[in-house]
Amino acid sequence: MWFFIGIIIGALVLGFIWWLRRKNLNLTWYEWVLGILGLLLLVFTLQNFMGSFEEIESKAAYMFLLITGLPSLILLALTWQLAARRLAKA
């Protein structure tokens, strides 16, 4: 299952890069770093959430969503807002 999730994430990232190039948009280095960290943290959260549920540890699964899932969503939203505001100025 994780193999297919990796393929899907890779295809989404490749599609995103192609879309950026087609629109002639550039992201700064820190937007890339924040986006990649947010994506990695989100995948880490999903893996641990599903693993905790498989081991019938629902409280631990929900804590993973709170402790690591929320920061990953914040990082991804921050990346999106930084890019959107910088591109709106141009």
PDB file of N, CA and C in Angstrom:
ATOM      1  N   MET A   1       0.812  -1.182   0.000  1.00  0.00           N
ATOM      2  CA  MET A   1       0.000   0.000   0.000  1.00  0.00           C
ATOM      3  C   MET A   1       0.869   1.266   0.000  1.00  0.00           C
ATOM      4  N   TRP A   2       1.937   1.270   0.783  1.00  0.00           N
ATOM      5  CA  TRP A   2       2.783   2.459   0.853  1.00  0.00           C
ATOM      6  C   TRP A   2       3.542   2.690  -0.434  1.00  0.00           C
ATOM      7  N   PHE A   3       3.777   1.623  -1.176  1.00  0.00           N
ATOM      8  CA  PHE A   3       4.397   1.772  -2.494  1.00  0.00           C
ATOM      9  C   PHE A   3       3.501   2.615  -3.402  1.00  0.00           C
ATOM     10  N   PHE A   4       2.203   2.320  -3.395  1.00  0.00           N
ATOM     11  CA  PHE A   4       1.268   3.063  -4.232  1.00  0.00           C
ATOM     12  C   PHE A   4       1.088   4.496  -3.739  1.00  0.00           C
ATOM     13  N   ILE A   5       1.134   4.685  -2.442  1.00  0.00           N
ATOM     14  CA  ILE A   5       1.058   6.051  -1.905  1.00  0.00           C
ATOM     15  C   ILE A   5       2.282   6.849  -2.350  1.00  0.00           C
ATOM     16  N   GLY A   6       3.447   6.215  -2.355  1.00  0.00           N
ATOM     17  CA  GLY A   6       4.661   6.874  -2.842  1.00  0.00           C
ATOM     18  C   GLY A   6       4.568   7.235  -4.311  1.00  0.00           C
ATOM     19  N   ILE A   7       3.987   6.340  -5.109  1.00  0.00           N
ATOM     20  CA  ILE A   7       3.807   6.628  -6.529  1.00  0.00           C
ATOM     21  C   ILE A   7       2.846   7.798  -6.714  1.00  0.00           C
ATOM     22  N   ILE A   8       1.760   7.814  -5.961  1.00  0.00           N
ATOM     23  CA  ILE A   8       0.778   8.890  -6.067  1.00  0.00           C
ATOM     24  C   ILE A   8       1.396  10.225  -5.661  1.00  0.00           C
ATOM     25  N   ILE A   9       2.141  10.236  -4.562  1.00  0.00           N
ATOM     26  CA  ILE A   9       2.783  11.477  -4.113  1.00  0.00           C
ATOM     27  C   ILE A   9       3.806  11.946  -5.139  1.00  0.00           C
ATOM     28  N   GLY A  10       4.580  11.027  -5.681  1.00  0.00           N
ATOM     29  CA  GLY A  10       5.551  11.388  -6.710  1.00  0.00           C
ATOM     30  C   GLY A  10       4.887  11.974  -7.940  1.00  0.00           C
ATOM     31  N   ALA A  11       3.771  11.376  -8.363  1.00  0.00           N
ATOM     32  CA  ALA A  11       3.047  11.887  -9.525  1.00  0.00           C
ATOM     33  C   ALA A  11       2.468  13.271  -9.234  1.00  0.00           C
ATOM     34  N   LEU A  12       1.961  13.479  -8.028  1.00  0.00           N
ATOM     35  CA  LEU A  12       1.416  14.791  -7.669  1.00  0.00           C
ATOM     36  C   LEU A  12       2.500  15.865  -7.640  1.00  0.00           C
ATOM     37  N   VAL A  13       3.653  15.530  -7.090  1.00  0.00           N
ATOM     38  CA  VAL A  13       4.757  16.498  -7.045  1.00  0.00           C
ATOM     39  C   VAL A  13       5.239  16.808  -8.459  1.00  0.00           C
ATOM     40  N   LEU A  14       5.362  15.789  -9.298  1.00  0.00           N
ATOM     41  CA  LEU A  14       5.776  16.008 -10.679  1.00  0.00           C
ATOM     42  C   LEU A  14       4.759  16.868 -11.422  1.00  0.00           C
ATOM     43  N   GLY A  15       3.479  16.585 -11.232  1.00  0.00           N
ATOM     44  CA  GLY A  15       2.444  17.395 -11.863  1.00  0.00           C
ATOM     45  C   GLY A  15       2.473  18.830 -11.379  1.00  0.00           C
ATOM     46  N   PHE A  16       2.740  19.019 -10.082  1.00  0.00           N
ATOM     47  CA  PHE A  16       2.837  20.361  -9.518  1.00  0.00           C
ATOM     48  C   PHE A  16       4.011  21.131 -10.125  1.00  0.00           C
ATOM     49  N   ILE A  17       5.144  20.465 -10.283  1.00  0.00           N
ATOM     50  CA  ILE A  17       6.319  21.115 -10.876  1.00  0.00           C
ATOM     51  C   ILE A  17       6.055  21.468 -12.338  1.00  0.00           C
ATOM     52  N   TRP A  18       5.414  20.564 -13.079  1.00  0.00           N
ATOM     53  CA  TRP A  18       5.077  20.871 -14.470  1.00  0.00           C
ATOM     54  C   TRP A  18       4.114  22.048 -14.546  1.00  0.00           C
ATOM     55  N   TRP A  19       3.147  22.091 -13.641  1.00  0.00           N
ATOM     56  CA  TRP A  19       2.189  23.194 -13.618  1.00  0.00           C
ATOM     57  C   TRP A  19       2.891  24.518 -13.331  1.00  0.00           C
ATOM     58  N   LEU A  20       3.842  24.511 -12.370  1.00  0.00           N
ATOM     59  CA  LEU A  20       4.597  25.728 -12.067  1.00  0.00           C
ATOM     60  C   LEU A  20       5.377  26.210 -13.287  1.00  0.00           C
ATOM     61  N   ARG A  21       6.012  25.291 -13.985  1.00  0.00           N
ATOM     62  CA  ARG A  21       6.797  25.676 -15.163  1.00  0.00           C
ATOM     63  C   ARG A  21       5.911  26.179 -16.295  1.00  0.00           C
ATOM     64  N   ARG A  22       4.751  25.567 -16.474  1.00  0.00           N
ATOM     65  CA  ARG A  22       3.843  25.993 -17.546  1.00  0.00           C
ATOM     66  C   ARG A  22       3.315  27.396 -17.284  1.00  0.00           C
ATOM     67  N   LYS A  23       3.081  27.736 -16.023  1.00  0.00           N
ATOM     68  CA  LYS A  23       2.586  29.058 -15.651  1.00  0.00           C
ATOM     69  C   LYS A  23       3.718  30.070 -15.447  1.00  0.00           C
ATOM     70  N   ASN A  24       4.981  29.636 -15.612  1.00  0.00           N
ATOM     71  CA  ASN A  24       6.163  30.472 -15.384  1.00  0.00           C
ATOM     72  C   ASN A  24       6.190  31.053 -13.972  1.00  0.00           C
ATOM     73  N   LEU A  25       5.902  30.213 -12.991  1.00  0.00           N
ATOM     74  CA  LEU A  25       5.934  30.620 -11.587  1.00  0.00           C
ATOM     75  C   LEU A  25       7.166  30.010 -10.930  1.00  0.00           C
ATOM     76  N   ASN A  26       7.756  30.772 -10.037  1.00  0.00           N
ATOM     77  CA  ASN A  26       8.915  30.291  -9.291  1.00  0.00           C
ATOM     78  C   ASN A  26       8.640  30.393  -7.803  1.00  0.00           C
ATOM     79  N   LEU A  27       9.020  29.366  -7.079  1.00  0.00           N
ATOM     80  CA  LEU A  27       8.924  29.390  -5.629  1.00  0.00           C
ATOM     81  C   LEU A  27      10.306  29.659  -5.055  1.00  0.00           C
ATOM     82  N   THR A  28      10.345  30.343  -3.940  1.00  0.00           N
ATOM     83  CA  THR A  28      11.629  30.594  -3.280  1.00  0.00           C
ATOM     84  C   THR A  28      12.077  29.327  -2.568  1.00  0.00           C
ATOM     85  N   TRP A  29      13.324  29.325  -2.164  1.00  0.00           N
ATOM     86  CA  TRP A  29      13.882  28.114  -1.558  1.00  0.00           C
ATOM     87  C   TRP A  29      13.181  27.766  -0.258  1.00  0.00           C
ATOM     88  N   TYR A  30      12.805  28.777   0.533  1.00  0.00           N
ATOM     89  CA  TYR A  30      12.169  28.457   1.816  1.00  0.00           C
ATOM     90  C   TYR A  30      10.736  27.979   1.636  1.00  0.00           C
ATOM     91  N   GLU A  31      10.081  28.358   0.537  1.00  0.00           N
ATOM     92  CA  GLU A  31       8.753  27.805   0.253  1.00  0.00           C
ATOM     93  C   GLU A  31       8.850  26.325  -0.101  1.00  0.00           C
ATOM     94  N   TRP A  32       9.895  25.975  -0.839  1.00  0.00           N
ATOM     95  CA  TRP A  32      10.123  24.563  -1.141  1.00  0.00           C
ATOM     96  C   TRP A  32      10.417  23.775   0.133  1.00  0.00           C
ATOM     97  N   VAL A  33      11.269  24.304   0.997  1.00  0.00           N
ATOM     98  CA  VAL A  33      11.638  23.602   2.230  1.00  0.00           C
ATOM     99  C   VAL A  33      10.416  23.409   3.126  1.00  0.00           C
ATOM    100  N   LEU A  34       9.635  24.468   3.313  1.00  0.00           N
ATOM    101  CA  LEU A  34       8.436  24.355   4.142  1.00  0.00           C
ATOM    102  C   LEU A  34       7.432  23.376   3.545  1.00  0.00           C
ATOM    103  N   GLY A  35       7.263  23.406   2.241  1.00  0.00           N
ATOM    104  CA  GLY A  35       6.325  22.496   1.586  1.00  0.00           C
ATOM    105  C   GLY A  35       6.746  21.040   1.695  1.00  0.00           C
ATOM    106  N   ILE A  36       8.035  20.786   1.492  1.00  0.00           N
ATOM    107  CA  ILE A  36       8.535  19.419   1.579  1.00  0.00           C
ATOM    108  C   ILE A  36       8.459  18.911   3.017  1.00  0.00           C
ATOM    109  N   LEU A  37       8.821  19.762   3.983  1.00  0.00           N
ATOM    110  CA  LEU A  37       8.698  19.349   5.390  1.00  0.00           C
ATOM    111  C   LEU A  37       7.249  19.072   5.768  1.00  0.00           C
ATOM    112  N   GLY A  38       6.346  19.912   5.308  1.00  0.00           N
ATOM    113  CA  GLY A  38       4.927  19.689   5.591  1.00  0.00           C
ATOM    114  C   GLY A  38       4.425  18.398   4.975  1.00  0.00           C
ATOM    115  N   LEU A  39       4.841  18.103   3.740  1.00  0.00           N
ATOM    116  CA  LEU A  39       4.417  16.880   3.075  1.00  0.00           C
ATOM    117  C   LEU A  39       4.993  15.647   3.770  1.00  0.00           C
ATOM    118  N   LEU A  40       6.268  15.691   4.132  1.00  0.00           N
ATOM    119  CA  LEU A  40       6.873  14.561   4.840  1.00  0.00           C
ATOM    120  C   LEU A  40       6.213  14.336   6.198  1.00  0.00           C
ATOM    121  N   LEU A  41       5.929  15.399   6.908  1.00  0.00           N
ATOM    122  CA  LEU A  41       5.272  15.270   8.206  1.00  0.00           C
ATOM    123  C   LEU A  41       3.855  14.728   8.049  1.00  0.00           C
ATOM    124  N   LEU A  42       3.173  15.105   6.978  1.00  0.00           N
ATOM    125  CA  LEU A  42       1.824  14.587   6.727  1.00  0.00           C
ATOM    126  C   LEU A  42       1.855  13.090   6.423  1.00  0.00           C
ATOM    127  N   VAL A  43       2.810  12.655   5.614  1.00  0.00           N
ATOM    128  CA  VAL A  43       2.937  11.224   5.311  1.00  0.00           C
ATOM    129  C   VAL A  43       3.314  10.448   6.573  1.00  0.00           C
ATOM    130  N   PHE A  44       4.207  10.994   7.380  1.00  0.00           N
ATOM    131  CA  PHE A  44       4.580  10.379   8.661  1.00  0.00           C
ATOM    132  C   PHE A  44       3.357  10.238   9.560  1.00  0.00           C
ATOM    133  N   THR A  45       2.533  11.278   9.603  1.00  0.00           N
ATOM    134  CA  THR A  45       1.323  11.250  10.418  1.00  0.00           C
ATOM    135  C   THR A  45       0.359  10.173   9.941  1.00  0.00           C
ATOM    136  N   LEU A  46       0.137  10.100   8.632  1.00  0.00           N
ATOM    137  CA  LEU A  46      -0.777   9.096   8.096  1.00  0.00           C
ATOM    138  C   LEU A  46      -0.286   7.680   8.373  1.00  0.00           C
ATOM    139  N   GLN A  47       1.008   7.462   8.227  1.00  0.00           N
ATOM    140  CA  GLN A  47       1.555   6.133   8.479  1.00  0.00           C
ATOM    141  C   GLN A  47       1.372   5.736   9.932  1.00  0.00           C
ATOM    142  N   ASN A  48       1.673   6.626  10.842  1.00  0.00           N
ATOM    143  CA  ASN A  48       1.542   6.302  12.254  1.00  0.00           C
ATOM    144  C   ASN A  48       0.084   6.224  12.695  1.00  0.00           C
ATOM    145  N   PHE A  49      -0.772   7.027  12.099  1.00  0.00           N
ATOM    146  CA  PHE A  49      -2.196   6.961  12.399  1.00  0.00           C
ATOM    147  C   PHE A  49      -2.762   5.600  12.008  1.00  0.00           C
ATOM    148  N   MET A  50      -2.444   5.162  10.801  1.00  0.00           N
ATOM    149  CA  MET A  50      -2.946   3.864  10.346  1.00  0.00           C
ATOM    150  C   MET A  50      -2.317   2.719  11.128  1.00  0.00           C
ATOM    151  N   GLY A  51      -1.038   2.827  11.444  1.00  0.00           N
ATOM    152  CA  GLY A  51      -0.374   1.791  12.224  1.00  0.00           C
ATOM    153  C   GLY A  51      -0.938   1.674  13.631  1.00  0.00           C
ATOM    154  N   SER A  52      -1.258   2.785  14.241  1.00  0.00           N
ATOM    155  CA  SER A  52      -1.833   2.751  15.587  1.00  0.00           C
ATOM    156  C   SER A  52      -3.230   2.144  15.576  1.00  0.00           C
ATOM    157  N   PHE A  53      -3.996   2.422  14.546  1.00  0.00           N
ATOM    158  CA  PHE A  53      -5.328   1.821  14.457  1.00  0.00           C
ATOM    159  C   PHE A  53      -5.246   0.322  14.208  1.00  0.00           C
ATOM    160  N   GLU A  54      -4.256  -0.115  13.438  1.00  0.00           N
ATOM    161  CA  GLU A  54      -4.075  -1.551  13.202  1.00  0.00           C
ATOM    162  C   GLU A  54      -3.708  -2.280  14.486  1.00  0.00           C
ATOM    163  N   GLU A  55      -3.028  -1.597  15.373  1.00  0.00           N
ATOM    164  CA  GLU A  55      -2.659  -2.191  16.657  1.00  0.00           C
ATOM    165  C   GLU A  55      -3.700  -1.928  17.737  1.00  0.00           C
ATOM    166  N   ILE A  56      -4.847  -1.441  17.333  1.00  0.00           N
ATOM    167  CA  ILE A  56      -5.987  -1.158  18.214  1.00  0.00           C
ATOM    168  C   ILE A  56      -5.574  -0.202  19.337  1.00  0.00           C
ATOM    169  N   GLU A  57      -4.901   0.844  18.959  1.00  0.00           N
ATOM    170  CA  GLU A  57      -4.509   1.916  19.873  1.00  0.00           C
ATOM    171  C   GLU A  57      -5.108   3.216  19.353  1.00  0.00           C
ATOM    172  N   SER A  58      -6.410   3.350  19.505  1.00  0.00           N
ATOM    173  CA  SER A  58      -7.090   4.501  18.899  1.00  0.00           C
ATOM    174  C   SER A  58      -6.701   5.820  19.557  1.00  0.00           C
ATOM    175  N   LYS A  59      -6.435   5.812  20.856  1.00  0.00           N
ATOM    176  CA  LYS A  59      -6.041   7.059  21.516  1.00  0.00           C
ATOM    177  C   LYS A  59      -4.699   7.554  20.979  1.00  0.00           C
ATOM    178  N   ALA A  60      -3.762   6.641  20.788  1.00  0.00           N
ATOM    179  CA  ALA A  60      -2.463   7.010  20.224  1.00  0.00           C
ATOM    180  C   ALA A  60      -2.616   7.511  18.794  1.00  0.00           C
ATOM    181  N   ALA A  61      -3.525   6.896  18.043  1.00  0.00           N
ATOM    182  CA  ALA A  61      -3.751   7.323  16.655  1.00  0.00           C
ATOM    183  C   ALA A  61      -4.261   8.756  16.617  1.00  0.00           C
ATOM    184  N   TYR A  62      -5.217   9.066  17.469  1.00  0.00           N
ATOM    185  CA  TYR A  62      -5.748  10.427  17.479  1.00  0.00           C
ATOM    186  C   TYR A  62      -4.734  11.437  18.020  1.00  0.00           C
ATOM    187  N   MET A  63      -3.881  11.017  18.921  1.00  0.00           N
ATOM    188  CA  MET A  63      -2.828  11.915  19.402  1.00  0.00           C
ATOM    189  C   MET A  63      -1.827  12.222  18.287  1.00  0.00           C
ATOM    190  N   PHE A  64      -1.538  11.222  17.443  1.00  0.00           N
ATOM    191  CA  PHE A  64      -0.663  11.478  16.300  1.00  0.00           C
ATOM    192  C   PHE A  64      -1.278  12.505  15.369  1.00  0.00           C
ATOM    193  N   LEU A  65      -2.594  12.416  15.170  1.00  0.00           N
ATOM    194  CA  LEU A  65      -3.244  13.414  14.324  1.00  0.00           C
ATOM    195  C   LEU A  65      -3.085  14.807  14.904  1.00  0.00           C
ATOM    196  N   LEU A  66      -3.186  14.910  16.205  1.00  0.00           N
ATOM    197  CA  LEU A  66      -3.090  16.218  16.844  1.00  0.00           C
ATOM    198  C   LEU A  66      -1.653  16.721  16.902  1.00  0.00           C
ATOM    199  N   ILE A  67      -0.735  15.876  17.330  1.00  0.00           N
ATOM    200  CA  ILE A  67       0.640  16.309  17.590  1.00  0.00           C
ATOM    201  C   ILE A  67       1.445  16.511  16.303  1.00  0.00           C
ATOM    202  N   THR A  68       1.293  15.639  15.325  1.00  0.00           N
ATOM    203  CA  THR A  68       2.080  15.788  14.100  1.00  0.00           C
ATOM    204  C   THR A  68       1.238  16.202  12.895  1.00  0.00           C
ATOM    205  N   GLY A  69      -0.038  15.876  12.903  1.00  0.00           N
ATOM    206  CA  GLY A  69      -0.888  16.211  11.767  1.00  0.00           C
ATOM    207  C   GLY A  69      -1.193  17.690  11.677  1.00  0.00           C
ATOM    208  N   LEU A  70      -1.498  18.286  12.805  1.00  0.00           N
ATOM    209  CA  LEU A  70      -1.818  19.716  12.816  1.00  0.00           C
ATOM    210  C   LEU A  70      -0.628  20.573  12.368  1.00  0.00           C
ATOM    211  N   PRO A  71       0.586  20.323  12.889  1.00  0.00           N
ATOM    212  CA  PRO A  71       1.729  21.105  12.379  1.00  0.00           C
ATOM    213  C   PRO A  71       2.000  20.892  10.883  1.00  0.00           C
ATOM    214  N   SER A  72       1.749  19.679  10.388  1.00  0.00           N
ATOM    215  CA  SER A  72       1.965  19.459   8.948  1.00  0.00           C
ATOM    216  C   SER A  72       0.984  20.287   8.131  1.00  0.00           C
ATOM    217  N   LEU A  73      -0.261  20.355   8.560  1.00  0.00           N
ATOM    218  CA  LEU A  73      -1.238  21.177   7.844  1.00  0.00           C
ATOM    219  C   LEU A  73      -0.904  22.661   7.952  1.00  0.00           C
ATOM    220  N   ILE A  74      -0.381  23.079   9.106  1.00  0.00           N
ATOM    221  CA  ILE A  74       0.019  24.474   9.275  1.00  0.00           C
ATOM    222  C   ILE A  74       1.176  24.812   8.340  1.00  0.00           C
ATOM    223  N   LEU A  75       2.164  23.912   8.238  1.00  0.00           N
ATOM    224  CA  LEU A  75       3.290  24.146   7.333  1.00  0.00           C
ATOM    225  C   LEU A  75       2.832  24.225   5.879  1.00  0.00           C
ATOM    226  N   LEU A  76       1.929  23.344   5.483  1.00  0.00           N
ATOM    227  CA  LEU A  76       1.442  23.361   4.107  1.00  0.00           C
ATOM    228  C   LEU A  76       0.619  24.618   3.830  1.00  0.00           C
ATOM    229  N   ALA A  77      -0.191  25.042   4.793  1.00  0.00           N
ATOM    230  CA  ALA A  77      -0.978  26.268   4.611  1.00  0.00           C
ATOM    231  C   ALA A  77      -0.065  27.493   4.572  1.00  0.00           C
ATOM    232  N   LEU A  78       0.980  27.495   5.393  1.00  0.00           N
ATOM    233  CA  LEU A  78       1.938  28.595   5.397  1.00  0.00           C
ATOM    234  C   LEU A  78       2.642  28.693   4.047  1.00  0.00           C
ATOM    235  N   THR A  79       3.036  27.557   3.510  1.00  0.00           N
ATOM    236  CA  THR A  79       3.684  27.538   2.201  1.00  0.00           C
ATOM    237  C   THR A  79       2.755  28.096   1.133  1.00  0.00           C
ATOM    238  N   TRP A  80       1.521  27.661   1.158  1.00  0.00           N
ATOM    239  CA  TRP A  80       0.544  28.131   0.176  1.00  0.00           C
ATOM    240  C   TRP A  80       0.324  29.636   0.301  1.00  0.00           C
ATOM    241  N   GLN A  81       0.184  30.134   1.529  1.00  0.00           N
ATOM    242  CA  GLN A  81      -0.044  31.567   1.732  1.00  0.00           C
ATOM    243  C   GLN A  81       1.170  32.404   1.319  1.00  0.00           C
ATOM    244  N   LEU A  82       2.370  31.947   1.643  1.00  0.00           N
ATOM    245  CA  LEU A  82       3.572  32.675   1.233  1.00  0.00           C
ATOM    246  C   LEU A  82       3.650  32.782  -0.288  1.00  0.00           C
ATOM    247  N   ALA A  83       3.408  31.670  -0.961  1.00  0.00           N
ATOM    248  CA  ALA A  83       3.485  31.684  -2.420  1.00  0.00           C
ATOM    249  C   ALA A  83       2.367  32.538  -3.018  1.00  0.00           C
ATOM    250  N   ALA A  84       1.171  32.408  -2.501  1.00  0.00           N
ATOM    251  CA  ALA A  84       0.028  33.153  -3.048  1.00  0.00           C
ATOM    252  C   ALA A  84       0.208  34.652  -2.853  1.00  0.00           C
ATOM    253  N   ARG A  85       0.678  35.071  -1.687  1.00  0.00           N
ATOM    254  CA  ARG A  85       0.865  36.502  -1.451  1.00  0.00           C
ATOM    255  C   ARG A  85       1.998  37.082  -2.288  1.00  0.00           C
ATOM    256  N   ARG A  86       3.073  36.313  -2.452  1.00  0.00           N
ATOM    257  CA  ARG A  86       4.190  36.807  -3.256  1.00  0.00           C
ATOM    258  C   ARG A  86       3.794  36.903  -4.713  1.00  0.00           C
ATOM    259  N   LEU A  87       3.026  35.938  -5.210  1.00  0.00           N
ATOM    260  CA  LEU A  87       2.601  35.960  -6.610  1.00  0.00           C
ATOM    261  C   LEU A  87       1.523  37.022  -6.849  1.00  0.00           C
ATOM    262  N   ALA A  88       0.733  37.335  -5.829  1.00  0.00           N
ATOM    263  CA  ALA A  88      -0.287  38.380  -5.993  1.00  0.00           C
ATOM    264  C   ALA A  88       0.347  39.760  -6.110  1.00  0.00           C
ATOM    265  N   LYS A  89       1.504  39.954  -5.495  1.00  0.00           N
ATOM    266  CA  LYS A  89       2.202  41.234  -5.589  1.00  0.00           C
ATOM    267  C   LYS A  89       2.738  41.474  -6.993  1.00  0.00           C
ATOM    268  N   ALA A  90       3.127  40.414  -7.644  1.00  0.00           N
ATOM    269  CA  ALA A  90       3.766  40.533  -8.973  1.00  0.00           C
ATOM    270  C   ALA A  90       2.781  40.830 -10.072  1.00  0.00           C
TER     271      ALA A  90
END
